[in-house]
Amino acid sequence: MLRRVFFVLLLWLVTVYYSYKMMRVDPETCTPEEYDHWGLKWGEAAVNLAGIDIEADLGNVDPNGHYVFIVNHQSNLDIPVLFELLKGNRIRFVAKKSLFDIPIYGKALAHAGHICIDRENRRSAMKSLGEAVEKAKSGFSPVIFPEGTRNTSLDELMEFKVGGMIIALKSGLPVVPIVITNTGRVMGKGQFVIDNRPVVRVKALPAIDPSEYSLKEREKFKDDLYAMMNEAYKELLAKG
């Protein structure tokens, strides 16, 4: 019970600690393992603090493979869950600018190589999409939340935005759709007390070859991806 009530406070303290640790890493001189270490440790700590059970089916995803991950989003817990499950994939999140404005944490995000998207500034947003593509080509696996924000209606996915499709198509990497259920029940948007009784379920769908779509077909790619993921999400949701 104490964990459920004080989880947000404990997570904040852990986040500040690991943010400071991250900012002391020199990406120019460290190894890839050293560069990724503190983000992975934060994800592990957050999952352990939450006390959640995770049931994951990652299918044929290579645990050390290089992909673009497209994931639905309903809770801040999605991020540590994905860090925990995709430890070897060198993931970096495509995130909204407001997160990078948070003291300490925002600087650590930028220092770790996560990708800032300013949706209020079209020119800046397009530049950020280009930076995300370059990061993908340099060895990182971008994680994109195509709904753009946390979904508070858990019956189905929200409409997808097209920006993530551009990153996926331009990167040339296999695109892995992932659906997550129940993180919104554990700790939804605006909640400060968690309910860690629901099992968090995660399922990776078969990888998509981005060459199946041209950049001009990004809207079709978006619609096809939404239909596929929404169907899989509802099937996973039916498991409880």
Protein backbone atom coordinates (compact mmCIF):
# COMPACT_ATOMS: atom_id res chain seq x y z
CA MET A 1 0.00 0.00 0.00
CA LEU A 2 2.80 2.44 0.86
CA ARG A 3 4.43 1.75 -2.50
CA ARG A 4 1.18 2.57 -4.29
CA VAL A 5 0.72 5.86 -2.43
CA PHE A 6 4.32 7.09 -2.54
CA PHE A 7 5.32 5.74 -5.95
CA VAL A 8 5.33 9.13 -7.71
CA LEU A 9 7.51 10.72 -5.02
CA LEU A 10 9.92 7.78 -5.05
CA LEU A 11 10.05 7.81 -8.85
CA TRP A 12 10.84 11.53 -8.84
CA LEU A 13 13.76 10.97 -6.46
CA VAL A 14 15.06 8.05 -8.52
CA THR A 15 14.69 10.10 -11.73
CA VAL A 16 16.71 13.00 -10.32
CA TYR A 17 19.44 10.60 -9.14
CA TYR A 18 19.79 8.84 -12.49
CA SER A 19 19.53 12.12 -14.39
CA TYR A 20 22.59 13.41 -12.56
CA LYS A 21 24.38 10.14 -13.25
CA MET A 22 23.52 10.37 -16.94
CA MET A 23 24.81 13.91 -17.28
CA ARG A 24 28.23 12.84 -16.00
CA VAL A 25 28.67 10.44 -18.92
CA ASP A 26 30.75 11.76 -21.83
CA PRO A 27 29.18 10.40 -25.04
CA GLU A 28 32.34 11.25 -26.96
CA THR A 29 34.59 8.93 -24.95
CA CYS A 30 32.34 6.27 -23.40
CA THR A 31 31.36 2.91 -24.88
CA PRO A 32 27.80 2.33 -26.16
CA GLU A 33 27.17 0.19 -23.08
CA GLU A 34 28.30 3.01 -20.77
CA TYR A 35 26.19 5.54 -22.67
CA ASP A 36 23.05 3.41 -22.36
CA HIS A 37 23.69 2.23 -18.79
CA TRP A 38 21.92 4.87 -16.69
CA GLY A 39 18.78 5.01 -18.80
CA LEU A 40 18.43 1.24 -18.50
CA LYS A 41 19.08 1.38 -14.76
CA TRP A 42 16.39 4.04 -14.40
CA GLY A 43 13.90 1.90 -16.31
CA GLU A 44 14.68 -1.12 -14.15
CA ALA A 45 14.36 0.91 -10.96
CA ALA A 46 11.03 2.43 -12.03
CA VAL A 47 9.54 -0.96 -12.89
CA ASN A 48 10.72 -2.42 -9.57
CA LEU A 49 9.36 0.55 -7.62
CA ALA A 50 5.98 0.19 -9.30
CA GLY A 51 5.87 -3.51 -8.44
CA ILE A 52 4.11 -4.35 -11.69
CA ASP A 53 3.93 -7.72 -13.42
CA ILE A 54 4.76 -7.60 -17.12
CA GLU A 55 3.65 -10.28 -19.57
CA ALA A 56 5.49 -9.72 -22.86
CA ASP A 57 5.45 -11.44 -26.24
CA LEU A 58 8.14 -9.85 -28.39
CA GLY A 59 7.77 -12.38 -31.18
CA ASN A 60 10.72 -12.39 -33.57
CA VAL A 61 12.27 -9.13 -32.36
CA ASP A 62 16.04 -9.56 -32.21
CA PRO A 63 17.01 -8.57 -28.63
CA ASN A 64 20.02 -6.74 -30.08
CA GLY A 65 18.40 -5.67 -33.34
CA HIS A 66 18.09 -2.25 -34.93
CA TYR A 67 14.51 -1.09 -35.52
CA VAL A 68 12.00 1.72 -35.40
CA PHE A 69 9.45 0.89 -32.69
CA ILE A 70 5.91 2.28 -33.02
CA VAL A 71 4.06 1.99 -29.69
CA ASN A 72 0.70 3.10 -28.31
CA HIS A 73 0.87 5.36 -25.25
CA GLN A 74 -1.35 5.53 -22.17
CA SER A 75 0.94 6.10 -19.18
CA ASN A 76 4.32 7.46 -18.12
CA LEU A 77 5.02 3.85 -17.13
CA ASP A 78 5.22 2.90 -20.81
CA ILE A 79 8.73 4.37 -20.93
CA PRO A 80 10.37 2.32 -18.15
CA VAL A 81 8.51 -0.78 -19.32
CA LEU A 82 10.01 -0.37 -22.79
CA PHE A 83 13.48 0.29 -21.37
CA GLU A 84 13.13 -2.96 -19.41
CA LEU A 85 11.96 -5.05 -22.38
CA LEU A 86 14.20 -3.58 -25.11
CA LYS A 87 17.46 -3.41 -23.17
CA GLY A 88 19.68 -4.45 -26.06
CA ASN A 89 18.04 -2.40 -28.80
CA ARG A 90 19.59 0.98 -27.91
CA ILE A 91 16.22 2.72 -27.84
CA ARG A 92 15.78 6.48 -27.84
CA PHE A 93 12.37 8.11 -27.39
CA VAL A 94 10.88 10.74 -29.68
CA ALA A 95 9.31 13.07 -27.11
CA LYS A 96 7.54 16.41 -26.91
CA LYS A 97 9.54 19.56 -26.18
CA SER A 98 7.87 20.21 -22.80
CA LEU A 99 9.66 17.18 -21.32
CA PHE A 100 13.02 18.63 -22.30
CA ASP A 101 12.11 21.85 -20.47
CA ILE A 102 11.85 20.04 -17.09
CA PRO A 103 14.83 20.99 -14.88
CA ILE A 104 17.51 18.29 -14.53
CA TYR A 105 15.40 15.60 -16.21
CA GLY A 106 15.12 17.50 -19.48
CA LYS A 107 18.87 18.05 -19.68
CA ALA A 108 19.46 14.37 -19.01
CA LEU A 109 17.04 13.45 -21.80
CA ALA A 110 18.93 15.60 -24.28
CA HIS A 111 22.31 14.39 -23.02
CA ALA A 112 21.20 10.77 -23.43
CA GLY A 113 20.28 11.39 -27.07
CA HIS A 114 16.50 11.30 -26.89
CA ILE A 115 14.79 13.26 -29.64
CA CYS A 116 12.90 16.49 -28.97
CA ILE A 117 9.90 17.37 -31.16
CA ASP A 118 8.43 20.87 -30.96
CA ARG A 119 4.94 20.40 -32.38
CA GLU A 120 4.16 24.11 -32.02
CA ASN A 121 6.89 25.10 -34.47
CA ARG A 122 6.59 23.44 -37.88
CA ARG A 123 10.11 24.34 -39.04
CA SER A 124 11.64 23.10 -35.79
CA ALA A 125 9.54 19.95 -35.92
CA MET A 126 10.73 19.13 -39.44
CA LYS A 127 14.32 19.64 -38.35
CA SER A 128 13.75 17.30 -35.40
CA LEU A 129 12.34 14.64 -37.72
CA GLY A 130 15.55 14.85 -39.73
CA GLU A 131 17.63 14.51 -36.56
CA ALA A 132 15.59 11.46 -35.56
CA VAL A 133 16.32 9.84 -38.93
CA GLU A 134 20.05 10.53 -38.52
CA LYS A 135 20.01 9.01 -35.03
CA ALA A 136 18.26 5.95 -36.40
CA LYS A 137 20.87 5.56 -39.12
CA SER A 138 23.69 5.99 -36.57
CA GLY A 139 22.67 2.89 -34.60
CA PHE A 140 19.88 3.92 -32.25
CA SER A 141 16.35 2.50 -32.37
CA PRO A 142 13.78 5.33 -32.18
CA VAL A 143 10.64 4.70 -30.14
CA ILE A 144 7.67 6.66 -31.49
CA PHE A 145 4.32 7.19 -29.78
CA PRO A 146 2.17 7.99 -32.84
CA GLU A 147 -0.85 9.07 -30.77
CA GLY A 148 1.24 12.07 -29.67
CA THR A 149 0.07 12.01 -26.05
CA ARG A 150 -1.17 9.61 -23.40
CA ASN A 151 -4.51 8.04 -24.24
CA THR A 152 -7.10 8.38 -21.48
CA SER A 153 -9.78 6.36 -23.30
CA LEU A 154 -8.53 2.80 -23.03
CA ASP A 155 -11.09 1.07 -25.27
CA GLU A 156 -9.17 1.78 -28.47
CA LEU A 157 -6.15 3.67 -29.78
CA MET A 158 -6.24 7.36 -30.56
CA GLU A 159 -5.73 8.62 -34.11
CA PHE A 160 -2.10 8.50 -35.23
CA LYS A 161 -0.05 11.52 -36.28
CA VAL A 162 1.95 11.34 -39.48
CA GLY A 163 5.32 12.64 -38.19
CA GLY A 164 6.35 9.28 -36.80
CA MET A 165 5.58 7.67 -40.15
CA ILE A 166 8.04 10.00 -41.84
CA ILE A 167 10.81 8.95 -39.42
CA ALA A 168 9.99 5.29 -39.94
CA LEU A 169 9.94 5.50 -43.73
CA LYS A 170 13.05 7.66 -44.09
CA SER A 171 15.14 5.59 -41.69
CA GLY A 172 14.92 2.48 -43.83
CA LEU A 173 14.88 0.27 -40.72
CA PRO A 174 12.37 -2.52 -40.06
CA VAL A 175 9.34 -1.06 -38.29
CA VAL A 176 8.09 -3.01 -35.27
CA PRO A 177 4.60 -2.12 -34.01
CA ILE A 178 4.11 -2.78 -30.29
CA VAL A 179 0.85 -2.67 -28.35
CA ILE A 180 0.69 -2.19 -24.58
CA THR A 181 -2.34 -2.62 -22.33
CA ASN A 182 -3.08 -1.83 -18.67
CA THR A 183 -0.38 0.75 -17.95
CA GLY A 184 -3.24 3.25 -18.14
CA ARG A 185 -5.07 1.26 -15.47
CA VAL A 186 -1.97 1.09 -13.28
CA MET A 187 -1.26 4.82 -13.55
CA GLY A 188 -3.17 6.83 -16.12
CA LYS A 189 -2.67 10.42 -17.12
CA GLY A 190 -3.08 12.75 -14.13
CA GLN A 191 -3.04 9.96 -11.53
CA PHE A 192 -0.65 10.12 -8.58
CA VAL A 193 -1.51 6.85 -6.84
CA ILE A 194 -0.84 3.63 -8.71
CA ASP A 195 -2.83 0.40 -8.77
CA ASN A 196 -0.23 -2.25 -9.55
CA ARG A 197 -2.65 -5.16 -9.60
CA PRO A 198 -3.40 -5.25 -13.36
CA VAL A 199 -0.89 -7.24 -15.42
CA VAL A 200 0.83 -5.06 -18.00
CA ARG A 201 0.66 -6.88 -21.33
CA VAL A 202 2.98 -6.14 -24.24
CA LYS A 203 2.89 -7.65 -27.71
CA ALA A 204 5.17 -7.00 -30.67
CA LEU A 205 3.60 -7.45 -34.10
CA PRO A 206 5.56 -8.73 -37.13
CA ALA A 207 8.13 -6.25 -38.43
CA ILE A 208 7.18 -4.18 -41.47
CA ASP A 209 9.58 -3.52 -44.34
CA PRO A 210 9.37 0.27 -44.86
CA SER A 211 10.16 -0.15 -48.56
CA GLU A 212 6.59 -1.43 -48.96
CA TYR A 213 5.52 2.23 -48.77
CA SER A 214 6.89 5.33 -50.45
CA LEU A 215 7.16 8.61 -48.56
CA LYS A 216 4.18 9.87 -50.58
CA GLU A 217 2.18 6.96 -49.16
CA ARG A 218 2.81 7.96 -45.54
CA GLU A 219 -0.91 8.57 -44.92
CA LYS A 220 -1.70 5.06 -46.16
CA PHE A 221 1.11 3.69 -43.99
CA LYS A 222 -0.35 5.54 -41.02
CA ASP A 223 -3.86 4.20 -41.65
CA ASP A 224 -2.67 0.62 -42.23
CA LEU A 225 -0.53 0.71 -39.11
CA TYR A 226 -3.39 2.10 -37.04
CA ALA A 227 -5.81 -0.59 -38.23
CA MET A 228 -3.29 -3.35 -37.49
CA MET A 229 -2.32 -2.04 -34.07
CA ASN A 230 -5.86 -1.16 -32.97
CA GLU A 231 -7.06 -4.69 -33.78
CA ALA A 232 -4.10 -6.22 -31.90
CA TYR A 233 -4.65 -3.84 -28.99
CA LYS A 234 -8.31 -4.89 -28.62
CA GLU A 235 -7.34 -8.56 -28.74
CA LEU A 236 -4.74 -8.00 -26.02
CA LEU A 237 -7.21 -5.94 -23.99
CA ALA A 238 -9.66 -8.83 -24.02
CA LYS A 239 -7.18 -10.89 -21.99
CA GLY A 240 -7.79 -8.56 -19.05
